[in-house]
Amino acid sequence: DLEVRLPLNMNVLDAAGVPRVMGLAEVLDAHLRHRMEVLERRSRFRLGRVLDRLELVEGYLRIFLDIDRVIRIIRDHDDPKAELVRVFSLTERQAEAVLNLRLRNLRKLEELELEKERRRLRREKRELERLLADEGARRARLAEEYGELAARFGEGPLGARRTSLEEAPEIDEAALEAPVEKLPVTVVCSAKGWIRALRGHVQDPREIRYKEGDRERFLLHVQSSDRLLLFSSDGRCYTLRVDRLPGGRGHGEPVSLSIDLAKGAEIVALLCHRPEGRLLLASRSGRGFLAAEADLLSQTRAGRQVMTVREGDRLHRVVPAEGDHLAVVGSNRKLLVFPLDELPRMSRGRGVLLQRYRDGHLADVKVFTLAEGLSWPTGSRTRTLTDLAGWLGRRGQAGRMAPTGFPRSNRFAPEG
């Protein structure tokens, strides 16, 4: 994203010293007002210097034709300054400037040079007075200055690029993180949201103890270097690093200590992140889409909003999208099967309608390979139905009643 966009949050102190957030147009307008103020102050300062120098030059021109008399006054009078003011009608500043000139400089005064300087100063004085009196002239001057800057820093040496453009190299994101020793770990998350990581892959879940009144909800066999994706009912996805989960001593910690889980939100799914994998997200109202797991990672406790759910709705199921068809069953026990490629690939959104319900809601979903058939548990065994012609349809249809023997829980797998 850094190659195509530039995020900018302009927290500034305005001209009055008040902190505020400005938009780009406001910042540019404030900059132009500042440049206009600088131009006015600079022009007033320069006008003052021009008037000062002009006063002195006119004084020098008054004494120029009678330098010898000036020298006699300086040599013979007790108060030469007052005498110069009286004889040559000078101002006190002019007389002071004449007295401060060295004798050799008095003799070097040239009328032609003084006249030339006076004409130049008077011309500059008129230009500065016109500039200060006319806002349009000041705006034109600013435009000239910006043009000069553009020319100076354009195609010339000052504007030449200092860096070279090259193809961005492929970056190994894993190399950016401190290496984590890869060890087998069993991640356990209870129904009340207590999470922990046990060493090794626990084969018998009955060995795991929970707090009184709590029970198993999610159990994953992963590696200590893996990352987990946790989905909440409000449509957010959070990233958890296995190596940072609390150890197996005790009952773990509430998952809310690691993420900012919204009040009232429930944990819907906990999955091991697969860099190249994709997931199916489905809401209770029967809408869903496919998402690449790489697009779901987040670096903050707040996670990432993935599915947009309206009031009264919730993210209901998140399953790996491995296969070519999707089976959807509603609380009305109607089953619909359609090709997986009818679903859009999104990184965020509400999704499209998977199954239509007159009364009821989405109960469960399963992605499978049509050639291998649709399976579900029946007691201690698994039943597989390969002839699905009666339930094949298009996305958004209502479907038909589930086959005989389908679980009364309306689920393709036992509740986690």
Protein backbone atom coordinates (compact mmCIF):
# COMPACT_ATOMS: atom_id res chain seq x y z
CA ASP A 1 0.00 0.00 0.00
CA LEU A 2 2.89 2.39 0.66
CA GLU A 3 3.67 2.27 -3.07
CA VAL A 4 0.24 3.48 -4.17
CA ARG A 5 -1.14 5.65 -1.35
CA LEU A 6 0.09 8.07 1.27
CA PRO A 7 -1.90 8.27 4.52
CA LEU A 8 -1.78 11.78 5.98
CA ASN A 9 -3.23 12.96 9.29
CA MET A 10 -2.65 16.73 9.49
CA ASN A 11 -2.78 17.65 13.19
CA VAL A 12 -1.58 21.26 13.21
CA LEU A 13 -1.38 24.46 15.20
CA ASP A 14 -3.19 27.12 13.19
CA ALA A 15 -2.14 30.77 12.88
CA ALA A 16 -3.78 31.52 16.23
CA GLY A 17 -1.85 28.70 17.94
CA VAL A 18 -4.97 26.52 18.30
CA PRO A 19 -4.50 22.75 17.74
CA ARG A 20 -6.83 21.29 15.12
CA VAL A 21 -7.07 18.79 12.27
CA MET A 22 -7.05 20.38 8.81
CA GLY A 23 -7.94 19.04 5.40
CA LEU A 24 -5.63 19.47 2.44
CA ALA A 25 -7.52 22.51 1.10
CA GLU A 26 -7.36 24.21 4.52
CA VAL A 27 -3.62 23.55 4.81
CA LEU A 28 -2.96 25.02 1.35
CA ASP A 29 -5.11 28.06 2.13
CA ALA A 30 -3.27 28.61 5.44
CA HIS A 31 0.05 28.31 3.61
CA LEU A 32 -0.99 30.94 1.04
CA ARG A 33 -2.13 33.32 3.77
CA HIS A 34 1.19 32.82 5.55
CA ARG A 35 3.16 33.50 2.37
CA MET A 36 1.08 36.65 1.77
CA GLU A 37 1.83 37.85 5.30
CA VAL A 38 5.55 37.14 4.84
CA LEU A 39 5.53 39.10 1.56
CA GLU A 40 3.86 42.10 3.24
CA ARG A 41 6.26 42.09 6.19
CA ARG A 42 9.26 41.67 3.92
CA SER A 43 8.08 44.51 1.67
CA ARG A 44 7.47 46.86 4.63
CA PHE A 45 10.90 46.08 6.03
CA ARG A 46 12.57 46.70 2.68
CA LEU A 47 10.60 49.93 2.18
CA GLY A 48 11.90 51.19 5.52
CA ARG A 49 15.48 50.42 4.49
CA VAL A 50 14.98 52.14 1.12
CA LEU A 51 13.58 55.29 2.75
CA ASP A 52 16.49 55.39 5.20
CA ARG A 53 19.07 55.10 2.44
CA LEU A 54 17.22 57.55 0.20
CA GLU A 55 17.29 60.16 2.95
CA LEU A 56 21.07 59.79 3.28
CA VAL A 57 21.71 59.88 -0.47
CA GLU A 58 19.72 63.10 -0.83
CA GLY A 59 21.77 64.58 2.01
CA TYR A 60 25.02 63.65 0.27
CA LEU A 61 23.79 65.28 -2.95
CA ARG A 62 23.07 68.56 -1.10
CA ILE A 63 26.65 68.86 0.16
CA PHE A 64 28.33 67.50 -2.94
CA LEU A 65 28.97 70.85 -4.68
CA ASP A 66 30.47 72.44 -1.57
CA ILE A 67 32.66 69.74 -0.05
CA ASP A 68 35.35 72.24 0.96
CA ARG A 69 32.83 74.29 2.98
CA VAL A 70 31.68 71.09 4.72
CA ILE A 71 35.27 70.35 5.67
CA ARG A 72 35.76 73.89 7.06
CA ILE A 73 32.56 73.61 9.12
CA ILE A 74 33.69 70.30 10.58
CA ARG A 75 37.15 71.75 11.35
CA ASP A 76 36.21 75.19 12.69
CA HIS A 77 32.80 74.98 14.43
CA ASP A 78 32.17 73.77 17.94
CA ASP A 79 28.83 72.26 16.89
CA PRO A 80 29.38 71.17 13.27
CA LYS A 81 26.16 69.11 13.21
CA ALA A 82 23.92 72.09 13.93
CA GLU A 83 25.85 74.23 11.45
CA LEU A 84 25.45 71.63 8.69
CA VAL A 85 21.71 71.46 9.36
CA ARG A 86 21.47 75.28 9.17
CA VAL A 87 23.68 75.84 6.12
CA PHE A 88 22.59 72.92 3.91
CA SER A 89 19.02 72.40 5.26
CA LEU A 90 19.85 68.82 6.26
CA THR A 91 17.94 66.62 8.63
CA GLU A 92 19.66 65.48 11.80
CA ARG A 93 20.14 61.98 10.33
CA GLN A 94 21.66 63.41 7.16
CA ALA A 95 24.01 65.63 9.15
CA GLU A 96 24.99 62.71 11.39
CA ALA A 97 25.74 60.58 8.32
CA VAL A 98 27.96 63.34 6.83
CA LEU A 99 29.88 63.69 10.09
CA ASN A 100 30.38 59.92 10.25
CA LEU A 101 31.97 59.85 6.80
CA ARG A 102 35.72 59.74 6.74
CA LEU A 103 37.43 62.67 5.05
CA ARG A 104 38.70 60.52 2.23
CA ASN A 105 35.15 59.28 1.57
CA LEU A 106 33.88 62.86 1.38
CA ARG A 107 36.30 63.56 -1.44
CA LYS A 108 35.35 60.33 -3.23
CA LEU A 109 31.63 61.17 -3.46
CA GLU A 110 30.62 61.21 -7.11
CA GLU A 111 27.50 63.06 -8.15
CA LEU A 112 26.75 60.70 -11.05
CA GLU A 113 26.79 57.62 -8.84
CA LEU A 114 24.68 59.32 -6.19
CA GLU A 115 22.09 60.37 -8.78
CA LYS A 116 21.99 56.86 -10.19
CA GLU A 117 21.44 55.39 -6.71
CA ARG A 118 18.72 57.95 -5.93
CA ARG A 119 16.82 57.07 -9.12
CA ARG A 120 17.08 53.37 -8.33
CA LEU A 121 15.88 53.86 -4.75
CA ARG A 122 12.94 56.04 -5.81
CA ARG A 123 11.93 53.43 -8.40
CA GLU A 124 12.11 50.65 -5.80
CA LYS A 125 10.14 52.81 -3.33
CA ARG A 126 7.31 53.29 -5.85
CA GLU A 127 7.23 49.55 -6.60
CA LEU A 128 7.09 48.61 -2.91
CA GLU A 129 4.35 51.14 -2.18
CA ARG A 130 2.32 49.83 -5.12
CA LEU A 131 2.81 46.25 -3.91
CA LEU A 132 1.65 47.08 -0.38
CA ALA A 133 -1.39 48.96 -1.64
CA ASP A 134 -2.63 46.32 -4.13
CA GLU A 135 -3.55 42.75 -3.04
CA GLY A 136 -3.74 41.66 -6.67
CA ALA A 137 -0.14 42.78 -7.19
CA ARG A 138 0.92 40.79 -4.14
CA ARG A 139 -0.82 37.68 -5.46
CA ALA A 140 0.92 38.15 -8.80
CA ARG A 141 4.27 38.46 -7.02
CA LEU A 142 3.58 35.22 -5.12
CA ALA A 143 2.77 33.47 -8.40
CA GLU A 144 6.10 34.69 -9.80
CA GLU A 145 7.93 33.37 -6.73
CA TYR A 146 6.28 29.95 -7.03
CA GLY A 147 7.20 29.92 -10.72
CA GLU A 148 10.82 30.68 -9.84
CA LEU A 149 10.81 27.84 -7.29
CA ALA A 150 9.36 25.43 -9.84
CA ALA A 151 12.02 26.43 -12.37
CA ARG A 152 14.80 26.22 -9.80
CA PHE A 153 13.82 22.78 -8.53
CA GLY A 154 12.46 21.47 -11.84
CA GLU A 155 14.62 19.89 -14.50
CA GLY A 156 17.86 21.50 -13.30
CA PRO A 157 20.55 20.07 -11.01
CA LEU A 158 18.66 21.07 -7.84
CA GLY A 159 15.55 19.23 -9.00
CA ALA A 160 17.33 16.09 -10.17
CA ARG A 161 16.29 12.87 -8.45
CA ARG A 162 18.75 11.77 -5.78
CA THR A 163 17.62 8.13 -5.70
CA SER A 164 17.21 5.50 -8.38
CA LEU A 165 13.99 3.63 -9.21
CA GLU A 166 14.23 -0.15 -9.15
CA GLU A 167 11.88 -3.10 -9.08
CA ALA A 168 10.74 -3.83 -5.53
CA PRO A 169 12.37 -7.05 -4.31
CA GLU A 170 10.38 -9.96 -2.96
CA ILE A 171 10.39 -9.66 0.83
CA ASP A 172 10.29 -12.67 3.09
CA GLU A 173 7.89 -11.50 5.79
CA ALA A 174 9.01 -14.28 8.08
CA ALA A 175 12.53 -12.85 8.06
CA LEU A 176 11.22 -9.61 9.58
CA GLU A 177 10.17 -11.37 12.75
CA ALA A 178 12.37 -12.90 15.39
CA PRO A 179 12.71 -16.63 14.68
CA VAL A 180 10.47 -18.84 16.79
CA GLU A 181 11.43 -22.41 17.55
CA LYS A 182 9.01 -24.72 15.75
CA LEU A 183 7.48 -27.09 18.30
CA PRO A 184 4.20 -29.04 18.34
CA VAL A 185 1.53 -27.27 20.38
CA THR A 186 -2.11 -27.93 21.24
CA VAL A 187 -4.17 -24.75 21.46
CA VAL A 188 -7.27 -25.03 23.63
CA CYS A 189 -10.03 -22.43 23.82
CA SER A 190 -12.95 -23.12 26.15
CA ALA A 191 -16.61 -22.28 25.70
CA LYS A 192 -16.16 -19.31 28.07
CA GLY A 193 -13.22 -17.94 26.10
CA TRP A 194 -10.22 -19.12 28.16
CA ILE A 195 -7.25 -19.87 25.91
CA ARG A 196 -3.93 -21.65 26.48
CA ALA A 197 -1.20 -23.53 24.60
CA LEU A 198 -0.20 -27.03 25.75
CA ARG A 199 3.12 -28.60 24.79
CA GLY A 200 2.88 -31.38 22.25
CA HIS A 201 -0.16 -32.64 20.37
CA VAL A 202 -2.64 -33.92 22.93
CA GLN A 203 -4.24 -37.06 21.51
CA ASP A 204 -6.94 -37.59 24.14
CA PRO A 205 -9.00 -34.41 24.74
CA ARG A 206 -10.36 -36.00 27.93
CA GLU A 207 -6.97 -35.37 29.54
CA ILE A 208 -7.54 -31.60 29.39
CA ARG A 209 -9.09 -30.04 32.47
CA TYR A 210 -11.34 -26.96 32.48
CA LYS A 211 -12.72 -24.61 35.09
CA GLU A 212 -15.90 -25.78 36.77
CA GLY A 213 -18.87 -25.09 34.51
CA ASP A 214 -16.65 -24.65 31.43
CA ARG A 215 -15.95 -27.08 28.57
CA GLU A 216 -13.99 -27.54 25.35
CA ARG A 217 -14.89 -25.32 22.39
CA PHE A 218 -11.86 -25.30 20.08
CA LEU A 219 -8.86 -27.65 20.06
CA LEU A 220 -6.13 -27.18 17.43
CA HIS A 221 -2.93 -29.13 16.76
CA VAL A 222 -0.49 -26.48 15.51
CA GLN A 223 3.16 -25.40 15.67
CA SER A 224 4.58 -22.78 18.02
CA SER A 225 5.55 -20.66 14.98
CA ASP A 226 1.98 -20.55 13.62
CA ARG A 227 -0.57 -17.75 13.77
CA LEU A 228 -4.26 -18.18 14.52
CA LEU A 229 -7.30 -16.43 13.07
CA LEU A 230 -10.08 -15.80 15.58
CA PHE A 231 -13.47 -14.68 14.25
CA SER A 232 -16.14 -13.00 16.37
CA SER A 233 -19.88 -12.79 15.79
CA ASP A 234 -19.70 -9.06 14.98
CA GLY A 235 -17.71 -9.86 11.82
CA ARG A 236 -14.20 -9.05 13.06
CA CYS A 237 -11.08 -11.17 12.59
CA TYR A 238 -8.18 -11.14 15.07
CA THR A 239 -4.66 -12.52 14.71
CA LEU A 240 -3.07 -14.46 17.58
CA ARG A 241 0.53 -15.68 17.67
CA VAL A 242 0.80 -19.16 19.15
CA ASP A 243 4.17 -18.42 20.81
CA ARG A 244 2.55 -15.56 22.78
CA LEU A 245 -0.36 -17.56 24.17
CA PRO A 246 -0.33 -18.42 27.91
CA GLY A 247 1.19 -21.78 28.79
CA GLY A 248 -0.61 -24.92 29.82
CA ARG A 249 -0.32 -24.44 33.57
CA GLY A 250 -3.68 -23.63 35.08
CA HIS A 251 -6.66 -22.86 32.88
CA GLY A 252 -5.01 -20.20 30.71
CA GLU A 253 -6.23 -16.62 30.35
CA PRO A 254 -9.36 -14.97 28.93
CA VAL A 255 -8.81 -14.33 25.24
CA SER A 256 -10.00 -10.76 25.86
CA LEU A 257 -6.58 -10.05 27.43
CA SER A 258 -4.99 -10.54 23.99
CA ILE A 259 -7.61 -8.88 21.76
CA ASP A 260 -10.20 -6.11 22.05
CA LEU A 261 -13.28 -8.31 21.77
CA ALA A 262 -16.40 -6.14 21.61
CA LYS A 263 -18.91 -6.35 24.45
CA GLY A 264 -21.52 -8.99 23.64
CA ALA A 265 -19.52 -10.48 20.75
CA GLU A 266 -18.98 -14.25 20.74
CA ILE A 267 -16.15 -16.34 19.33
CA VAL A 268 -17.37 -18.03 16.15
CA ALA A 269 -14.24 -19.76 14.84
CA LEU A 270 -10.58 -20.32 15.72
CA LEU A 271 -8.41 -21.54 12.84
CA CYS A 272 -4.72 -21.97 12.08
CA HIS A 273 -3.62 -19.44 9.46
CA ARG A 274 -2.54 -20.88 6.10
CA PRO A 275 -0.63 -18.30 4.00
CA GLU A 276 -2.11 -19.57 0.72
CA GLY A 277 -5.46 -20.69 2.10
CA ARG A 278 -8.92 -19.20 1.71
CA LEU A 279 -12.01 -19.28 3.89
CA LEU A 280 -15.77 -19.18 3.45
CA LEU A 281 -17.53 -16.69 5.73
CA ALA A 282 -21.30 -17.02 6.18
CA SER A 283 -23.77 -14.96 8.20
CA ARG A 284 -26.85 -16.19 10.04
CA SER A 285 -29.08 -14.46 7.47
CA GLY A 286 -27.60 -16.66 4.72
CA ARG A 287 -25.08 -14.35 3.06
CA GLY A 288 -21.42 -15.13 2.46
CA PHE A 289 -18.23 -14.78 0.43
CA LEU A 290 -14.73 -16.21 0.01
CA ALA A 291 -11.70 -14.48 1.54
CA ALA A 292 -7.98 -15.11 1.18
CA GLU A 293 -6.45 -15.79 4.59
CA ALA A 294 -3.54 -13.48 3.78
CA ASP A 295 -6.03 -10.58 3.59
CA LEU A 296 -7.41 -11.29 7.06
CA LEU A 297 -4.23 -10.83 9.11
CA SER A 298 -4.00 -7.84 11.43
CA GLN A 299 -1.27 -6.38 13.63
CA THR A 300 -3.41 -4.72 16.31
CA ARG A 301 -5.57 -5.83 19.22
CA ALA A 302 -8.59 -4.29 17.48
CA GLY A 303 -8.35 -6.82 14.65
CA ARG A 304 -9.91 -6.26 11.23
CA GLN A 305 -13.56 -5.83 10.23
CA VAL A 306 -14.13 -8.57 7.66
CA MET A 307 -17.86 -9.22 7.35
CA THR A 308 -20.35 -6.37 7.54
CA VAL A 309 -23.31 -7.56 9.61
CA ARG A 310 -26.51 -5.61 10.06
CA GLU A 311 -28.42 -5.24 13.31
CA GLY A 312 -29.95 -8.57 14.28
CA ASP A 313 -27.53 -10.54 12.09
CA ARG A 314 -24.17 -12.11 12.97
CA LEU A 315 -21.20 -13.92 11.48
CA HIS A 316 -22.28 -17.54 11.92
CA ARG A 317 -19.83 -19.89 10.22
CA VAL A 318 -16.20 -19.72 9.01
CA VAL A 319 -14.83 -22.83 7.27
CA PRO A 320 -11.83 -23.61 5.04
CA ALA A 321 -12.75 -23.36 1.36
CA GLU A 322 -11.16 -26.60 0.10
CA GLY A 323 -13.23 -28.13 -2.65
CA ASP A 324 -15.34 -27.19 -5.65
CA HIS A 325 -18.90 -27.12 -4.24
CA LEU A 326 -20.69 -25.61 -1.27
CA ALA A 327 -23.45 -27.26 0.75
CA VAL A 328 -25.75 -24.98 2.76
CA VAL A 329 -28.40 -26.18 5.19
CA GLY A 330 -30.96 -23.96 6.89
CA SER A 331 -32.74 -24.22 10.21
CA ASN A 332 -35.75 -25.33 8.11
CA ARG A 333 -33.69 -28.45 7.17
CA LYS A 334 -33.56 -27.49 3.51
CA LEU A 335 -30.27 -28.37 1.79
CA LEU A 336 -28.77 -26.60 -1.24
CA VAL A 337 -25.59 -27.53 -3.15
CA PHE A 338 -24.00 -25.25 -5.76
CA PRO A 339 -20.55 -24.62 -7.35
CA LEU A 340 -18.11 -22.71 -5.17
CA ASP A 341 -17.07 -20.47 -8.06
CA GLU A 342 -20.47 -18.74 -7.85
CA LEU A 343 -19.19 -16.90 -4.77
CA PRO A 344 -17.21 -13.65 -4.99
CA ARG A 345 -13.70 -13.21 -3.56
CA MET A 346 -13.68 -10.32 -1.11
CA SER A 347 -11.54 -9.00 1.73
CA ARG A 348 -14.45 -7.19 3.36
CA GLY A 349 -18.18 -6.87 2.79
CA ARG A 350 -21.63 -8.29 3.44
CA GLY A 351 -21.38 -10.99 0.79
CA VAL A 352 -24.04 -12.44 -1.51
CA LEU A 353 -27.10 -14.57 -0.77
CA LEU A 354 -26.19 -18.25 -0.34
CA GLN A 355 -29.64 -19.67 0.44
CA ARG A 356 -33.08 -18.10 0.56
CA TYR A 357 -35.29 -18.57 3.65
CA ARG A 358 -38.94 -17.73 4.11
CA ASP A 359 -38.81 -18.75 7.76
CA GLY A 360 -35.54 -19.64 9.45
CA HIS A 361 -31.86 -18.93 9.04
CA LEU A 362 -28.58 -20.50 7.96
CA ALA A 363 -27.63 -23.45 10.17
CA ASP A 364 -24.37 -24.74 8.66
CA VAL A 365 -22.16 -24.76 5.57
CA LYS A 366 -19.59 -27.16 4.18
CA VAL A 367 -17.14 -26.88 1.28
CA PHE A 368 -16.45 -30.26 -0.35
CA THR A 369 -15.42 -31.95 -3.59
CA LEU A 370 -18.48 -33.08 -5.54
CA ALA A 371 -16.77 -36.19 -6.92
CA GLU A 372 -16.04 -37.39 -3.36
CA GLY A 373 -19.58 -36.80 -2.12
CA LEU A 374 -21.05 -34.97 0.87
CA SER A 375 -20.32 -36.46 4.30
CA TRP A 376 -21.75 -36.00 7.80
CA PRO A 377 -21.49 -37.96 11.06
CA THR A 378 -24.14 -40.45 12.15
CA GLY A 379 -23.34 -41.70 15.62
CA SER A 380 -19.86 -43.22 15.57
CA ARG A 381 -19.82 -43.55 11.78
CA THR A 382 -19.69 -41.17 8.81
CA ARG A 383 -22.24 -41.25 6.02
CA THR A 384 -21.31 -40.08 2.51
CA LEU A 385 -23.90 -39.16 -0.12
CA THR A 386 -22.54 -39.17 -3.67
CA ASP A 387 -25.81 -38.75 -5.60
CA LEU A 388 -26.60 -35.08 -4.98
CA ALA A 389 -28.55 -34.37 -8.17
CA GLY A 390 -31.72 -33.60 -6.21
CA TRP A 391 -30.01 -30.84 -4.22
CA LEU A 392 -27.80 -29.30 -6.91
CA GLY A 393 -28.92 -25.81 -7.85
CA ARG A 394 -27.84 -22.20 -8.10
CA ARG A 395 -26.74 -19.80 -5.41
CA GLY A 396 -29.64 -18.03 -3.69
CA GLN A 397 -32.24 -20.80 -4.15
CA ALA A 398 -34.22 -22.32 -1.27
CA GLY A 399 -33.06 -25.94 -1.72
CA ARG A 400 -34.87 -29.19 -0.83
CA MET A 401 -35.43 -31.07 2.39
CA ALA A 402 -32.26 -32.75 3.63
CA PRO A 403 -31.89 -36.49 2.93
CA THR A 404 -33.15 -39.06 5.40
CA GLY A 405 -30.65 -39.61 8.17
CA PHE A 406 -29.26 -36.09 8.13
CA PRO A 407 -28.48 -34.95 11.73
CA ARG A 408 -31.33 -33.31 13.62
CA SER A 409 -28.82 -30.64 14.69
CA ASN A 410 -28.71 -29.47 11.06
CA ARG A 411 -24.90 -29.57 11.15
CA PHE A 412 -22.33 -31.25 8.93
CA ALA A 413 -20.00 -31.69 11.92
CA PRO A 414 -20.47 -31.86 15.70
CA GLU A 415 -20.74 -28.50 17.48
CA GLY A 416 -17.24 -27.31 18.55
